[in-house]
Amino acid sequence: MATSSLYLPDPPLSPPEPVFLTKAERDARHPSLVSYLLPTHWACYFINDDPSGLEDEEIAAADAWWQETFSSRSASCVDADEDYGFSRHHDAAGYCLATDCTVYRFLLQPACPVGAPSPKAKP
């Protein structure tokens, strides 16, 4: 007697996303990764939260850029390219003059609702 082979697919790893989610709820489920061309000397501060190699003015400039850029979202710097070069035009032009720059990648999450515990955000 011939055996029939019946193929049953494995269940999905996660349930399908409900279609009734708002944009804010969808954003909360799927963080974004964005890139910026920024001064290389900000790398240790943004990635390791270590400002030890920066002057007070450089720390203030990096903090001001961060506050303006990520004021409505929680962000963390996850990567910086090893390749860099001198650039007069970069994404922190209002905070830093022409300098060596590299591409940084940031993981973004929507801002937490009022009363919810906020994730640790750098700096």
Protein backbone atom coordinates (compact mmCIF):
# COMPACT_ATOMS: atom_id res chain seq x y z
CA MET A 1 0.00 0.00 0.00
CA ALA A 2 1.39 3.40 -0.98
CA THR A 3 1.80 5.87 1.82
CA SER A 4 0.48 9.34 1.29
CA SER A 5 2.73 12.16 2.26
CA LEU A 6 0.90 14.95 3.88
CA TYR A 7 2.82 18.19 4.25
CA LEU A 8 1.86 20.45 7.11
CA PRO A 9 3.85 23.65 7.39
CA ASP A 10 5.32 24.65 10.73
CA PRO A 11 3.37 27.28 12.64
CA PRO A 12 4.67 30.83 12.22
CA LEU A 13 7.31 31.94 14.71
CA SER A 14 5.22 34.90 15.72
CA PRO A 15 1.55 35.54 15.26
CA PRO A 16 0.58 37.72 12.32
CA GLU A 17 0.39 41.40 13.04
CA PRO A 18 -3.16 42.56 13.70
CA VAL A 19 -4.49 44.91 11.04
CA PHE A 20 -6.18 47.18 13.56
CA LEU A 21 -2.98 48.65 15.07
CA THR A 22 -2.47 52.38 14.92
CA LYS A 23 0.70 53.80 13.33
CA ALA A 24 2.14 54.51 16.79
CA GLU A 25 1.50 50.91 17.85
CA ARG A 26 3.09 49.57 14.64
CA ASP A 27 6.13 51.82 15.18
CA ALA A 28 6.45 50.53 18.74
CA ARG A 29 6.55 46.93 17.47
CA HIS A 30 9.10 47.65 14.72
CA PRO A 31 11.98 49.93 15.68
CA SER A 32 13.72 51.90 12.97
CA LEU A 33 17.38 52.08 12.09
CA VAL A 34 18.55 55.46 10.80
CA SER A 35 21.97 56.74 9.73
CA TYR A 36 23.64 60.11 10.17
CA LEU A 37 26.99 61.51 9.00
CA LEU A 38 28.54 62.85 12.22
CA PRO A 39 31.95 63.81 13.65
CA THR A 40 34.16 60.80 14.37
CA HIS A 41 35.23 62.22 17.73
CA TRP A 42 31.67 61.68 19.05
CA ALA A 43 31.91 57.87 18.58
CA CYS A 44 33.03 56.85 22.09
CA TYR A 45 30.50 59.18 23.64
CA PHE A 46 27.56 57.92 21.58
CA ILE A 47 28.44 54.22 21.46
CA ASN A 48 30.09 53.65 24.87
CA ASP A 49 28.69 56.62 26.79
CA ASP A 50 32.32 57.67 27.42
CA PRO A 51 33.00 61.40 27.04
CA SER A 52 36.53 61.21 28.47
CA GLY A 53 38.27 62.26 25.23
CA LEU A 54 36.03 65.28 24.62
CA GLU A 55 36.23 68.89 25.73
CA ASP A 56 33.25 70.35 27.63
CA GLU A 57 32.18 72.32 24.53
CA GLU A 58 32.24 69.15 22.40
CA ILE A 59 30.11 67.28 24.95
CA ALA A 60 27.63 70.17 25.04
CA ALA A 61 27.46 70.20 21.22
CA ALA A 62 26.91 66.42 21.04
CA ASP A 63 24.22 66.61 23.75
CA ALA A 64 22.46 69.48 21.98
CA TRP A 65 22.48 67.61 18.65
CA TRP A 66 21.13 64.49 20.37
CA GLN A 67 18.34 66.41 22.12
CA GLU A 68 17.25 68.14 18.92
CA THR A 69 17.46 65.02 16.76
CA PHE A 70 15.83 62.54 19.13
CA SER A 71 13.51 64.77 21.15
CA SER A 72 10.39 62.74 20.30
CA ARG A 73 11.96 59.26 20.28
CA SER A 74 14.18 57.07 22.36
CA ALA A 75 17.41 56.25 20.51
CA SER A 76 20.61 54.32 20.98
CA CYS A 77 23.72 54.40 18.83
CA VAL A 78 24.40 50.86 17.67
CA ASP A 79 27.22 51.29 15.17
CA ALA A 80 29.70 53.64 13.52
CA ASP A 81 31.57 52.91 10.31
CA GLU A 82 35.31 52.45 10.51
CA ASP A 83 35.74 54.46 7.30
CA TYR A 84 35.84 58.21 7.77
CA GLY A 85 36.86 61.32 5.93
CA PHE A 86 36.95 65.08 6.21
CA SER A 87 33.60 66.67 5.51
CA ARG A 88 32.41 70.26 5.52
CA HIS A 89 28.78 69.20 5.12
CA HIS A 90 27.46 66.75 7.71
CA ASP A 91 24.35 66.18 9.83
CA ALA A 92 25.69 68.09 12.84
CA ALA A 93 26.67 71.22 10.89
CA GLY A 94 24.93 73.53 13.36
CA TYR A 95 26.87 72.03 16.28
CA CYS A 96 30.31 71.30 14.84
CA LEU A 97 32.49 72.85 12.14
CA ALA A 98 34.03 70.89 9.27
CA THR A 99 35.77 67.81 10.66
CA ASP A 100 36.46 64.11 10.09
CA CYS A 101 33.08 62.34 9.89
CA THR A 102 31.73 58.83 9.71
CA VAL A 103 28.31 57.23 9.35
CA TYR A 104 26.56 56.36 12.64
CA ARG A 105 23.51 54.10 12.89
CA PHE A 106 20.85 54.65 15.55
CA LEU A 107 18.08 52.32 16.66
CA LEU A 108 14.92 54.37 17.22
CA GLN A 109 11.93 53.57 19.38
CA PRO A 110 8.89 55.82 19.78
CA ALA A 111 8.79 57.90 22.94
CA CYS A 112 7.27 56.10 25.91
CA PRO A 113 3.79 57.15 27.01
CA VAL A 114 3.58 59.30 30.13
CA GLY A 115 3.90 57.17 33.24
CA ALA A 116 5.63 54.26 31.48
CA PRO A 117 9.18 53.41 32.46
CA SER A 118 11.55 54.78 29.83
CA PRO A 119 14.37 52.70 28.37
CA LYS A 120 17.90 53.95 29.00
CA ALA A 121 18.81 56.38 26.25
CA LYS A 122 22.28 57.71 25.62
CA PRO A 123 23.63 60.48 26.52
